[in-house]
Amino acid sequence: MNHPAILDRPLTGPVAWTRADIKDGDYRVVLSDAAQTELIEAARTLRRQPVPLLALRPGSFELPACRAAMEEVRGVLTDGPRFALLQGLPTEELSLEEAKALYWILSAMLARPVAQKLDGTIVYDVLDTGAQALPGSGIRPDKTNIDLQFHNDNAYNFLMPEFVGLLCVRQAREGGMSRVMSFATAHNALLDGHAELLPRLYQPFWFDRQREFHAGELPTFSAPLFTCDGGRMRARLSLHQIRGAYAMRGEPMDNETAAAIEAVAEVFRDPELRCEFRLQAGDMQFVANREIGHSRTEFHDYDEAERRRLLVRLWLRDQGAQGYIG
């Protein structure tokens, strides 16, 4: 039996940050006045000459100041703490569709947007539908108001997005704080406190595929939570889908598996390992999806539909096909 390579030493560098290490300037990028002017002019052009959002490309407009900002974001995502908060999209001067179009163009400067569902949905609204995210239901937790544990997106698919973008259109009446955590730091905490369980986390777990599969395929997917390639750690963490998959299969977790999952959950609960902020309208959050976990706290919304919490998500990836399977 082949045993996977396991990182047995602490990870270091900008990716392995804690709450005490991280500073606003490490991850916060603000669109300059020049960049905002470029975006407003691009919106005016789209009003005069409408183009479907999916046809827009980074080269559709010149946008030199915006390109400089997105290069700064790229540096944060690849050489810094691996998450960025981009602020300054002038949403008060834009319609919702215009805001989505400009967010699309900015995001596409990082990588190609790809499908987020099997039906080809590529621009995904994150909002509470009132549904329950039960095992096998296909209801994703992001369509509810529940507290989301740290996860990386599409952990239950073969090829995950490289970057994940979130545009805040409206925040909730109460709650819905955004949180990020370095999976390198989480790995260090597991190595320090639960080293005996780390080998299990490099072995496969079952994931609920959220009904995103073709007829005749299994509704669950198997993969390890951590992998090591050339000394570089990559994570695939989504405890909600893991617990759901074992329930779907009627397969109780053995003691070691359950202990490994609880050890991960324990690390996720440590407030000293995470950064937390409240997204405002026009804020865009980007994460390096295999290295950073993101989550949000439970929230309570407004009664009026037009005021309810709304974020717009994009998955970005240059590898593989543009469709969901990749």
C-alpha atoms as a PDB file:
ATOM      1  CA  MET A   1       0.000   0.000   0.000  1.00  0.00           C
ATOM      2  CA  ASN A   2       1.332   3.428  -0.968  1.00  0.00           C
ATOM      3  CA  HIS A   3       1.400   5.936   1.867  1.00  0.00           C
ATOM      4  CA  PRO A   4       0.899   9.605   0.977  1.00  0.00           C
ATOM      5  CA  ALA A   5       3.605  12.143   1.718  1.00  0.00           C
ATOM      6  CA  ILE A   6       2.818  13.952   4.982  1.00  0.00           C
ATOM      7  CA  LEU A   7       4.190  17.302   6.047  1.00  0.00           C
ATOM      8  CA  ASP A   8       5.638  16.676   9.494  1.00  0.00           C
ATOM      9  CA  ARG A   9       7.188  20.095  10.103  1.00  0.00           C
ATOM     10  CA  PRO A  10       5.561  23.491  10.707  1.00  0.00           C
ATOM     11  CA  LEU A  11       4.740  25.580   7.651  1.00  0.00           C
ATOM     12  CA  THR A  12       6.242  29.062   7.666  1.00  0.00           C
ATOM     13  CA  GLY A  13       6.149  32.264   5.657  1.00  0.00           C
ATOM     14  CA  PRO A  14       3.397  34.769   4.825  1.00  0.00           C
ATOM     15  CA  VAL A  15       0.820  32.012   4.249  1.00  0.00           C
ATOM     16  CA  ALA A  16       1.117  30.719   7.844  1.00  0.00           C
ATOM     17  CA  TRP A  17      -0.329  33.714   9.677  1.00  0.00           C
ATOM     18  CA  THR A  18      -2.314  34.037  12.905  1.00  0.00           C
ATOM     19  CA  ARG A  19      -4.632  36.766  14.132  1.00  0.00           C
ATOM     20  CA  ALA A  20      -1.738  38.419  15.968  1.00  0.00           C
ATOM     21  CA  ASP A  21       0.399  38.473  12.813  1.00  0.00           C
ATOM     22  CA  ILE A  22      -2.043  39.887  10.290  1.00  0.00           C
ATOM     23  CA  LYS A  23      -2.367  43.632   9.652  1.00  0.00           C
ATOM     24  CA  ASP A  24      -4.824  45.555   7.484  1.00  0.00           C
ATOM     25  CA  GLY A  25      -2.095  46.530   5.069  1.00  0.00           C
ATOM     26  CA  ASP A  26      -1.206  42.887   4.469  1.00  0.00           C
ATOM     27  CA  TYR A  27      -4.491  42.108   2.736  1.00  0.00           C
ATOM     28  CA  ARG A  28      -6.463  45.325   2.131  1.00  0.00           C
ATOM     29  CA  VAL A  29      -6.327  46.927  -1.335  1.00  0.00           C
ATOM     30  CA  VAL A  30      -8.303  50.095  -2.125  1.00  0.00           C
ATOM     31  CA  LEU A  31      -9.332  51.098  -5.629  1.00  0.00           C
ATOM     32  CA  SER A  32      -7.798  54.498  -6.337  1.00  0.00           C
ATOM     33  CA  ASP A  33      -9.801  57.498  -7.514  1.00  0.00           C
ATOM     34  CA  ALA A  34      -8.430  56.826 -10.994  1.00  0.00           C
ATOM     35  CA  ALA A  35      -9.590  53.197 -10.861  1.00  0.00           C
ATOM     36  CA  GLN A  36     -13.055  54.217  -9.679  1.00  0.00           C
ATOM     37  CA  THR A  37     -13.299  56.767 -12.495  1.00  0.00           C
ATOM     38  CA  GLU A  38     -12.359  54.062 -15.005  1.00  0.00           C
ATOM     39  CA  LEU A  39     -15.085  51.784 -13.657  1.00  0.00           C
ATOM     40  CA  ILE A  40     -17.769  54.478 -13.746  1.00  0.00           C
ATOM     41  CA  GLU A  41     -16.841  55.309 -17.342  1.00  0.00           C
ATOM     42  CA  ALA A  42     -16.963  51.600 -18.255  1.00  0.00           C
ATOM     43  CA  ALA A  43     -20.463  51.411 -16.752  1.00  0.00           C
ATOM     44  CA  ARG A  44     -21.537  54.427 -18.820  1.00  0.00           C
ATOM     45  CA  THR A  45     -20.197  52.736 -21.945  1.00  0.00           C
ATOM     46  CA  LEU A  46     -22.178  49.592 -21.134  1.00  0.00           C
ATOM     47  CA  ARG A  47     -25.336  51.686 -20.741  1.00  0.00           C
ATOM     48  CA  ARG A  48     -24.819  53.123 -24.215  1.00  0.00           C
ATOM     49  CA  GLN A  49     -23.653  49.862 -25.762  1.00  0.00           C
ATOM     50  CA  PRO A  50     -24.935  46.927 -23.679  1.00  0.00           C
ATOM     51  CA  VAL A  51     -22.905  43.705 -23.804  1.00  0.00           C
ATOM     52  CA  PRO A  52     -23.958  40.475 -22.045  1.00  0.00           C
ATOM     53  CA  LEU A  53     -21.895  39.946 -18.902  1.00  0.00           C
ATOM     54  CA  LEU A  54     -20.564  36.575 -20.064  1.00  0.00           C
ATOM     55  CA  ALA A  55     -19.147  38.204 -23.199  1.00  0.00           C
ATOM     56  CA  LEU A  56     -17.078  40.720 -21.246  1.00  0.00           C
ATOM     57  CA  ARG A  57     -13.327  40.179 -21.010  1.00  0.00           C
ATOM     58  CA  PRO A  58     -10.502  41.942 -19.151  1.00  0.00           C
ATOM     59  CA  GLY A  59      -9.546  43.499 -22.493  1.00  0.00           C
ATOM     60  CA  SER A  60     -13.019  44.935 -23.117  1.00  0.00           C
ATOM     61  CA  PHE A  61     -11.813  48.238 -21.590  1.00  0.00           C
ATOM     62  CA  GLU A  62      -8.385  49.794 -21.030  1.00  0.00           C
ATOM     63  CA  LEU A  63      -8.628  50.202 -17.202  1.00  0.00           C
ATOM     64  CA  PRO A  64      -4.891  50.707 -16.434  1.00  0.00           C
ATOM     65  CA  ALA A  65      -5.468  51.790 -12.822  1.00  0.00           C
ATOM     66  CA  CYS A  66      -7.777  48.816 -12.258  1.00  0.00           C
ATOM     67  CA  ARG A  67      -5.180  46.472 -13.699  1.00  0.00           C
ATOM     68  CA  ALA A  68      -2.592  47.855 -11.298  1.00  0.00           C
ATOM     69  CA  ALA A  69      -4.985  47.235  -8.379  1.00  0.00           C
ATOM     70  CA  MET A  70      -5.651  43.665  -9.491  1.00  0.00           C
ATOM     71  CA  GLU A  71      -1.925  43.009  -9.829  1.00  0.00           C
ATOM     72  CA  GLU A  72      -1.627  44.108  -6.218  1.00  0.00           C
ATOM     73  CA  VAL A  73      -4.443  41.700  -5.324  1.00  0.00           C
ATOM     74  CA  ARG A  74      -2.675  38.913  -7.219  1.00  0.00           C
ATOM     75  CA  GLY A  75       0.505  39.521  -5.235  1.00  0.00           C
ATOM     76  CA  VAL A  76      -1.412  39.236  -1.965  1.00  0.00           C
ATOM     77  CA  LEU A  77      -3.019  35.977  -3.145  1.00  0.00           C
ATOM     78  CA  THR A  78       0.178  34.346  -4.373  1.00  0.00           C
ATOM     79  CA  ASP A  79       2.964  35.763  -2.205  1.00  0.00           C
ATOM     80  CA  GLY A  80       1.152  37.247   0.817  1.00  0.00           C
ATOM     81  CA  PRO A  81      -1.456  35.970   3.276  1.00  0.00           C
ATOM     82  CA  ARG A  82      -3.450  34.443   0.377  1.00  0.00           C
ATOM     83  CA  PHE A  83      -6.615  36.500   0.924  1.00  0.00           C
ATOM     84  CA  ALA A  84      -7.396  40.048  -0.172  1.00  0.00           C
ATOM     85  CA  LEU A  85     -10.102  42.584   0.585  1.00  0.00           C
ATOM     86  CA  LEU A  86     -10.557  44.892  -2.408  1.00  0.00           C
ATOM     87  CA  GLN A  87     -12.538  48.007  -1.539  1.00  0.00           C
ATOM     88  CA  GLY A  88     -14.030  50.873  -3.488  1.00  0.00           C
ATOM     89  CA  LEU A  89     -16.375  49.525  -6.170  1.00  0.00           C
ATOM     90  CA  PRO A  90     -18.737  52.536  -6.458  1.00  0.00           C
ATOM     91  CA  THR A  91     -21.962  50.547  -6.083  1.00  0.00           C
ATOM     92  CA  GLU A  92     -23.987  53.635  -5.166  1.00  0.00           C
ATOM     93  CA  GLU A  93     -23.526  54.867  -8.754  1.00  0.00           C
ATOM     94  CA  LEU A  94     -24.243  51.489 -10.368  1.00  0.00           C
ATOM     95  CA  SER A  95     -27.184  49.224 -10.989  1.00  0.00           C
ATOM     96  CA  LEU A  96     -26.894  45.676  -9.687  1.00  0.00           C
ATOM     97  CA  GLU A  97     -26.173  44.350 -13.181  1.00  0.00           C
ATOM     98  CA  GLU A  98     -23.523  47.014 -13.760  1.00  0.00           C
ATOM     99  CA  ALA A  99     -21.864  46.179 -10.434  1.00  0.00           C
ATOM    100  CA  LYS A 100     -21.818  42.490 -11.394  1.00  0.00           C
ATOM    101  CA  ALA A 101     -20.318  43.311 -14.808  1.00  0.00           C
ATOM    102  CA  LEU A 102     -17.495  45.401 -13.358  1.00  0.00           C
ATOM    103  CA  TYR A 103     -16.811  42.818 -10.644  1.00  0.00           C
ATOM    104  CA  TRP A 104     -16.672  40.170 -13.411  1.00  0.00           C
ATOM    105  CA  ILE A 105     -14.114  42.178 -15.386  1.00  0.00           C
ATOM    106  CA  LEU A 106     -11.924  42.814 -12.337  1.00  0.00           C
ATOM    107  CA  SER A 107     -12.091  39.156 -11.253  1.00  0.00           C
ATOM    108  CA  ALA A 108     -11.259  37.902 -14.749  1.00  0.00           C
ATOM    109  CA  MET A 109      -7.974  39.792 -14.487  1.00  0.00           C
ATOM    110  CA  LEU A 110      -6.966  37.144 -11.918  1.00  0.00           C
ATOM    111  CA  ALA A 111      -8.174  34.028 -13.754  1.00  0.00           C
ATOM    112  CA  ARG A 112     -10.990  32.720 -15.938  1.00  0.00           C
ATOM    113  CA  PRO A 113     -14.456  32.504 -14.326  1.00  0.00           C
ATOM    114  CA  VAL A 114     -15.755  28.909 -14.367  1.00  0.00           C
ATOM    115  CA  ALA A 115     -19.108  27.207 -13.795  1.00  0.00           C
ATOM    116  CA  GLN A 116     -20.275  26.780 -10.204  1.00  0.00           C
ATOM    117  CA  LYS A 117     -23.008  24.246 -10.942  1.00  0.00           C
ATOM    118  CA  LEU A 118     -23.476  21.365 -13.341  1.00  0.00           C
ATOM    119  CA  ASP A 119     -26.090  23.392 -15.268  1.00  0.00           C
ATOM    120  CA  GLY A 120     -23.409  25.941 -16.162  1.00  0.00           C
ATOM    121  CA  THR A 121     -24.307  28.658 -13.638  1.00  0.00           C
ATOM    122  CA  ILE A 122     -21.268  30.888 -13.595  1.00  0.00           C
ATOM    123  CA  VAL A 123     -22.431  33.947 -11.604  1.00  0.00           C
ATOM    124  CA  TYR A 124     -23.781  32.721  -8.280  1.00  0.00           C
ATOM    125  CA  ASP A 125     -25.864  34.690  -5.789  1.00  0.00           C
ATOM    126  CA  VAL A 126     -25.165  33.921  -2.125  1.00  0.00           C
ATOM    127  CA  LEU A 127     -28.355  34.559  -0.148  1.00  0.00           C
ATOM    128  CA  ASP A 128     -30.731  32.947   2.314  1.00  0.00           C
ATOM    129  CA  THR A 129     -33.546  31.120   0.551  1.00  0.00           C
ATOM    130  CA  GLY A 130     -35.100  29.768   3.757  1.00  0.00           C
ATOM    131  CA  ALA A 131     -34.216  26.191   2.741  1.00  0.00           C
ATOM    132  CA  GLN A 132     -32.352  23.680   4.929  1.00  0.00           C
ATOM    133  CA  ALA A 133     -28.986  22.230   3.897  1.00  0.00           C
ATOM    134  CA  LEU A 134     -29.698  18.581   4.718  1.00  0.00           C
ATOM    135  CA  PRO A 135     -27.508  15.627   3.640  1.00  0.00           C
ATOM    136  CA  GLY A 136     -28.189  14.708   0.029  1.00  0.00           C
ATOM    137  CA  SER A 137     -30.653  17.577  -0.477  1.00  0.00           C
ATOM    138  CA  GLY A 138     -28.438  19.509  -2.872  1.00  0.00           C
ATOM    139  CA  ILE A 139     -29.114  22.645  -0.813  1.00  0.00           C
ATOM    140  CA  ARG A 140     -25.774  24.319  -0.283  1.00  0.00           C
ATOM    141  CA  PRO A 141     -25.189  25.997   3.095  1.00  0.00           C
ATOM    142  CA  ASP A 142     -24.602  29.313   1.298  1.00  0.00           C
ATOM    143  CA  LYS A 143     -28.326  29.344   0.467  1.00  0.00           C
ATOM    144  CA  THR A 144     -29.141  29.473   4.204  1.00  0.00           C
ATOM    145  CA  ASN A 145     -28.389  31.843   7.090  1.00  0.00           C
ATOM    146  CA  ILE A 146     -26.545  29.288   9.238  1.00  0.00           C
ATOM    147  CA  ASP A 147     -23.045  29.703  10.642  1.00  0.00           C
ATOM    148  CA  LEU A 148     -20.633  28.359   8.036  1.00  0.00           C
ATOM    149  CA  GLN A 149     -17.563  26.593   9.326  1.00  0.00           C
ATOM    150  CA  PHE A 150     -14.261  27.257   7.606  1.00  0.00           C
ATOM    151  CA  HIS A 151     -14.139  25.576   4.222  1.00  0.00           C
ATOM    152  CA  ASN A 152     -12.776  25.949   0.751  1.00  0.00           C
ATOM    153  CA  ASP A 153     -15.256  26.085  -2.104  1.00  0.00           C
ATOM    154  CA  ASN A 154     -16.158  23.033  -4.192  1.00  0.00           C
ATOM    155  CA  ALA A 155     -14.130  20.661  -2.030  1.00  0.00           C
ATOM    156  CA  TYR A 156     -16.532  17.946  -3.201  1.00  0.00           C
ATOM    157  CA  ASN A 157     -15.550  18.186  -6.883  1.00  0.00           C
ATOM    158  CA  PHE A 158     -12.572  16.816  -8.797  1.00  0.00           C
ATOM    159  CA  LEU A 159     -11.069  20.179  -9.796  1.00  0.00           C
ATOM    160  CA  MET A 160     -11.504  23.067  -7.372  1.00  0.00           C
ATOM    161  CA  PRO A 161     -11.338  26.784  -8.223  1.00  0.00           C
ATOM    162  CA  GLU A 162      -7.965  28.423  -7.777  1.00  0.00           C
ATOM    163  CA  PHE A 163      -9.451  31.671  -6.470  1.00  0.00           C
ATOM    164  CA  VAL A 164     -12.886  32.514  -5.042  1.00  0.00           C
ATOM    165  CA  GLY A 165     -14.335  36.007  -5.261  1.00  0.00           C
ATOM    166  CA  LEU A 166     -17.229  37.477  -3.265  1.00  0.00           C
ATOM    167  CA  LEU A 167     -18.795  40.854  -4.016  1.00  0.00           C
ATOM    168  CA  CYS A 168     -20.871  42.351  -1.203  1.00  0.00           C
ATOM    169  CA  VAL A 169     -24.020  43.975  -2.580  1.00  0.00           C
ATOM    170  CA  ARG A 170     -25.924  44.170   0.713  1.00  0.00           C
ATOM    171  CA  GLN A 171     -25.173  43.033   4.252  1.00  0.00           C
ATOM    172  CA  ALA A 172     -27.637  41.460   6.675  1.00  0.00           C
ATOM    173  CA  ARG A 173     -29.451  43.341   9.421  1.00  0.00           C
ATOM    174  CA  GLU A 174     -27.412  41.461  12.016  1.00  0.00           C
ATOM    175  CA  GLY A 175     -24.535  38.972  11.876  1.00  0.00           C
ATOM    176  CA  GLY A 176     -22.916  37.611   8.747  1.00  0.00           C
ATOM    177  CA  MET A 177     -19.361  38.507   9.748  1.00  0.00           C
ATOM    178  CA  SER A 178     -16.778  37.280   7.253  1.00  0.00           C
ATOM    179  CA  ARG A 179     -13.887  35.195   8.554  1.00  0.00           C
ATOM    180  CA  VAL A 180     -10.765  33.748   6.968  1.00  0.00           C
ATOM    181  CA  MET A 181      -8.177  31.277   8.249  1.00  0.00           C
ATOM    182  CA  SER A 182      -4.896  30.038   6.847  1.00  0.00           C
ATOM    183  CA  PHE A 183      -5.042  26.279   6.284  1.00  0.00           C
ATOM    184  CA  ALA A 184      -1.246  26.279   6.712  1.00  0.00           C
ATOM    185  CA  THR A 185      -1.777  27.667  10.217  1.00  0.00           C
ATOM    186  CA  ALA A 186      -4.560  25.132  10.830  1.00  0.00           C
ATOM    187  CA  HIS A 187      -2.182  22.364   9.708  1.00  0.00           C
ATOM    188  CA  ASN A 188       0.474  23.687  12.118  1.00  0.00           C
ATOM    189  CA  ALA A 189      -2.063  23.635  14.971  1.00  0.00           C
ATOM    190  CA  LEU A 190      -3.016  20.034  14.140  1.00  0.00           C
ATOM    191  CA  LEU A 191       0.654  19.032  13.998  1.00  0.00           C
ATOM    192  CA  ASP A 192       1.208  20.663  17.375  1.00  0.00           C
ATOM    193  CA  GLY A 193      -1.895  19.368  19.172  1.00  0.00           C
ATOM    194  CA  HIS A 194      -3.030  16.267  17.290  1.00  0.00           C
ATOM    195  CA  ALA A 195       0.024  14.892  15.483  1.00  0.00           C
ATOM    196  CA  GLU A 196      -1.213  11.316  15.924  1.00  0.00           C
ATOM    197  CA  LEU A 197      -4.303  12.133  13.833  1.00  0.00           C
ATOM    198  CA  LEU A 198      -2.536  13.959  11.012  1.00  0.00           C
ATOM    199  CA  PRO A 199      -1.886  10.793   8.921  1.00  0.00           C
ATOM    200  CA  ARG A 200      -5.648  10.120   8.851  1.00  0.00           C
ATOM    201  CA  LEU A 201      -6.245  13.575   7.361  1.00  0.00           C
ATOM    202  CA  TYR A 202      -4.014  12.611   4.419  1.00  0.00           C
ATOM    203  CA  GLN A 203      -6.268   9.616   3.723  1.00  0.00           C
ATOM    204  CA  PRO A 204      -9.616   9.826   1.842  1.00  0.00           C
ATOM    205  CA  PHE A 205     -12.898  11.028   3.366  1.00  0.00           C
ATOM    206  CA  TRP A 206     -16.354  10.976   1.829  1.00  0.00           C
ATOM    207  CA  PHE A 207     -17.956  14.235   0.615  1.00  0.00           C
ATOM    208  CA  ASP A 208     -21.606  14.940  -0.281  1.00  0.00           C
ATOM    209  CA  ARG A 209     -21.520  16.098  -3.929  1.00  0.00           C
ATOM    210  CA  GLN A 210     -24.562  18.365  -3.405  1.00  0.00           C
ATOM    211  CA  ARG A 211     -26.438  16.659  -6.284  1.00  0.00           C
ATOM    212  CA  GLU A 212     -23.916  18.063  -8.771  1.00  0.00           C
ATOM    213  CA  PHE A 213     -23.292  14.852 -10.731  1.00  0.00           C
ATOM    214  CA  HIS A 214     -24.536  13.060 -13.826  1.00  0.00           C
ATOM    215  CA  ALA A 215     -27.025  10.208 -13.845  1.00  0.00           C
ATOM    216  CA  GLY A 216     -25.411   6.930 -12.848  1.00  0.00           C
ATOM    217  CA  GLU A 217     -22.611   8.567 -10.856  1.00  0.00           C
ATOM    218  CA  LEU A 218     -22.132   8.239  -7.118  1.00  0.00           C
ATOM    219  CA  PRO A 219     -23.685  11.021  -4.972  1.00  0.00           C
ATOM    220  CA  THR A 220     -20.541  11.062  -2.835  1.00  0.00           C
ATOM    221  CA  PHE A 221     -16.908  11.794  -3.627  1.00  0.00           C
ATOM    222  CA  SER A 222     -13.741  10.550  -1.913  1.00  0.00           C
ATOM    223  CA  ALA A 223     -10.582  12.589  -1.332  1.00  0.00           C
ATOM    224  CA  PRO A 224      -8.045  13.365   1.427  1.00  0.00           C
ATOM    225  CA  LEU A 225      -8.303  16.621   3.367  1.00  0.00           C
ATOM    226  CA  PHE A 226      -4.606  17.413   3.008  1.00  0.00           C
ATOM    227  CA  THR A 227      -2.148  16.620   0.244  1.00  0.00           C
ATOM    228  CA  CYS A 228       1.548  17.376  -0.075  1.00  0.00           C
ATOM    229  CA  ASP A 229       3.185  17.889  -3.458  1.00  0.00           C
ATOM    230  CA  GLY A 230       6.823  18.897  -3.511  1.00  0.00           C
ATOM    231  CA  GLY A 231       6.620  20.178   0.048  1.00  0.00           C
ATOM    232  CA  ARG A 232       3.592  22.366  -0.737  1.00  0.00           C
ATOM    233  CA  MET A 233       0.446  21.632   1.267  1.00  0.00           C
ATOM    234  CA  ARG A 234      -3.023  21.844  -0.277  1.00  0.00           C
ATOM    235  CA  ALA A 235      -6.299  21.534   1.637  1.00  0.00           C
ATOM    236  CA  ARG A 236      -9.747  20.198   0.753  1.00  0.00           C
ATOM    237  CA  LEU A 237     -11.846  21.000   3.805  1.00  0.00           C
ATOM    238  CA  SER A 238     -15.632  21.104   4.077  1.00  0.00           C
ATOM    239  CA  LEU A 239     -16.871  19.479   7.275  1.00  0.00           C
ATOM    240  CA  HIS A 240     -20.542  20.046   6.417  1.00  0.00           C
ATOM    241  CA  GLN A 241     -20.256  17.978   3.232  1.00  0.00           C
ATOM    242  CA  ILE A 242     -18.117  15.337   4.940  1.00  0.00           C
ATOM    243  CA  ARG A 243     -20.600  14.768   7.756  1.00  0.00           C
ATOM    244  CA  GLY A 244     -23.433  14.785   5.233  1.00  0.00           C
ATOM    245  CA  ALA A 245     -21.750  12.163   3.054  1.00  0.00           C
ATOM    246  CA  TYR A 246     -21.301   9.688   5.906  1.00  0.00           C
ATOM    247  CA  ALA A 247     -24.963  10.182   6.844  1.00  0.00           C
ATOM    248  CA  MET A 248     -26.038   9.620   3.227  1.00  0.00           C
ATOM    249  CA  ARG A 249     -24.020   6.423   2.985  1.00  0.00           C
ATOM    250  CA  GLY A 250     -25.331   5.113   6.314  1.00  0.00           C
ATOM    251  CA  GLU A 251     -21.691   4.607   7.204  1.00  0.00           C
ATOM    252  CA  PRO A 252     -20.729   5.726  10.718  1.00  0.00           C
ATOM    253  CA  MET A 253     -17.291   7.236  11.032  1.00  0.00           C
ATOM    254  CA  ASP A 254     -14.817   4.965  12.777  1.00  0.00           C
ATOM    255  CA  ASN A 255     -13.174   6.304  15.933  1.00  0.00           C
ATOM    256  CA  GLU A 256     -10.064   7.612  14.192  1.00  0.00           C
ATOM    257  CA  THR A 257     -12.054   9.336  11.442  1.00  0.00           C
ATOM    258  CA  ALA A 258     -14.423  10.971  13.936  1.00  0.00           C
ATOM    259  CA  ALA A 259     -11.508  12.082  16.115  1.00  0.00           C
ATOM    260  CA  ALA A 260      -9.704  13.588  13.114  1.00  0.00           C
ATOM    261  CA  ILE A 261     -12.792  15.561  12.085  1.00  0.00           C
ATOM    262  CA  GLU A 262     -13.320  16.815  15.641  1.00  0.00           C
ATOM    263  CA  ALA A 263      -9.654  17.877  15.821  1.00  0.00           C
ATOM    264  CA  VAL A 264     -10.135  19.978  12.685  1.00  0.00           C
ATOM    265  CA  ALA A 265     -13.347  21.475  14.115  1.00  0.00           C
ATOM    266  CA  GLU A 266     -11.498  22.310  17.331  1.00  0.00           C
ATOM    267  CA  VAL A 267      -8.830  24.206  15.413  1.00  0.00           C
ATOM    268  CA  PHE A 268     -11.522  26.058  13.449  1.00  0.00           C
ATOM    269  CA  ARG A 269     -13.033  27.281  16.728  1.00  0.00           C
ATOM    270  CA  ASP A 270      -9.805  28.981  17.864  1.00  0.00           C
ATOM    271  CA  PRO A 271     -10.356  32.764  17.495  1.00  0.00           C
ATOM    272  CA  GLU A 272      -6.598  33.409  17.591  1.00  0.00           C
ATOM    273  CA  LEU A 273      -6.156  31.694  14.235  1.00  0.00           C
ATOM    274  CA  ARG A 274      -8.599  33.742  12.166  1.00  0.00           C
ATOM    275  CA  CYS A 275      -9.126  37.219  10.750  1.00  0.00           C
ATOM    276  CA  GLU A 276     -12.644  38.664  10.881  1.00  0.00           C
ATOM    277  CA  PHE A 277     -14.283  41.649   9.190  1.00  0.00           C
ATOM    278  CA  ARG A 278     -17.696  42.856   8.055  1.00  0.00           C
ATOM    279  CA  LEU A 279     -17.999  43.288   4.309  1.00  0.00           C
ATOM    280  CA  GLN A 280     -19.619  46.540   3.186  1.00  0.00           C
ATOM    281  CA  ALA A 281     -21.395  47.265  -0.092  1.00  0.00           C
ATOM    282  CA  GLY A 282     -18.778  47.423  -2.845  1.00  0.00           C
ATOM    283  CA  ASP A 283     -16.208  45.294  -0.981  1.00  0.00           C
ATOM    284  CA  MET A 284     -14.750  42.307  -2.833  1.00  0.00           C
ATOM    285  CA  GLN A 285     -13.108  39.417  -1.000  1.00  0.00           C
ATOM    286  CA  PHE A 286     -10.711  37.119  -2.867  1.00  0.00           C
ATOM    287  CA  VAL A 287      -9.084  33.982  -1.457  1.00  0.00           C
ATOM    288  CA  ALA A 288      -6.575  31.440  -2.716  1.00  0.00           C
ATOM    289  CA  ASN A 289      -9.015  28.563  -2.448  1.00  0.00           C
ATOM    290  CA  ARG A 290      -6.679  25.646  -1.647  1.00  0.00           C
ATOM    291  CA  GLU A 291      -4.782  27.589   1.023  1.00  0.00           C
ATOM    292  CA  ILE A 292      -7.378  29.749   2.788  1.00  0.00           C
ATOM    293  CA  GLY A 293     -10.591  28.739   4.506  1.00  0.00           C
ATOM    294  CA  HIS A 294     -13.447  31.228   4.581  1.00  0.00           C
ATOM    295  CA  SER A 295     -16.647  31.285   6.589  1.00  0.00           C
ATOM    296  CA  ARG A 296     -19.316  33.594   7.911  1.00  0.00           C
ATOM    297  CA  THR A 297     -21.285  33.817  11.119  1.00  0.00           C
ATOM    298  CA  GLU A 298     -25.015  33.162  11.334  1.00  0.00           C
ATOM    299  CA  PHE A 299     -27.060  36.156  10.269  1.00  0.00           C
ATOM    300  CA  HIS A 300     -30.555  37.617  10.612  1.00  0.00           C
ATOM    301  CA  ASP A 301     -31.983  39.442   7.629  1.00  0.00           C
ATOM    302  CA  TYR A 302     -34.320  42.338   6.951  1.00  0.00           C
ATOM    303  CA  ASP A 303     -37.970  41.613   6.242  1.00  0.00           C
ATOM    304  CA  GLU A 304     -37.944  43.540   2.959  1.00  0.00           C
ATOM    305  CA  ALA A 305     -36.622  41.431   0.071  1.00  0.00           C
ATOM    306  CA  GLU A 306     -34.788  44.374  -1.505  1.00  0.00           C
ATOM    307  CA  ARG A 307     -32.741  44.903   1.671  1.00  0.00           C
ATOM    308  CA  ARG A 308     -31.739  41.298   2.341  1.00  0.00           C
ATOM    309  CA  ARG A 309     -28.147  40.129   2.419  1.00  0.00           C
ATOM    310  CA  LEU A 310     -26.729  39.478  -1.047  1.00  0.00           C
ATOM    311  CA  LEU A 311     -23.234  38.511  -2.095  1.00  0.00           C
ATOM    312  CA  VAL A 312     -22.195  37.539  -5.612  1.00  0.00           C
ATOM    313  CA  ARG A 313     -19.647  34.746  -5.982  1.00  0.00           C
ATOM    314  CA  LEU A 314     -17.255  33.875  -8.780  1.00  0.00           C
ATOM    315  CA  TRP A 315     -15.015  30.831  -9.068  1.00  0.00           C
ATOM    316  CA  LEU A 316     -11.778  31.517 -10.944  1.00  0.00           C
ATOM    317  CA  ARG A 317      -9.515  28.903 -12.482  1.00  0.00           C
ATOM    318  CA  ASP A 318      -7.316  28.738 -15.574  1.00  0.00           C
ATOM    319  CA  GLN A 319      -6.714  24.983 -15.357  1.00  0.00           C
ATOM    320  CA  GLY A 320      -9.055  22.444 -16.932  1.00  0.00           C
ATOM    321  CA  ALA A 321     -12.307  23.124 -18.761  1.00  0.00           C
ATOM    322  CA  GLN A 322     -14.622  26.026 -18.002  1.00  0.00           C
ATOM    323  CA  GLY A 323     -17.497  23.705 -17.091  1.00  0.00           C
ATOM    324  CA  TYR A 324     -18.303  22.512 -13.598  1.00  0.00           C
ATOM    325  CA  ILE A 325     -16.537  19.140 -13.736  1.00  0.00           C
ATOM    326  CA  GLY A 326     -13.366  20.793 -14.974  1.00  0.00           C
END
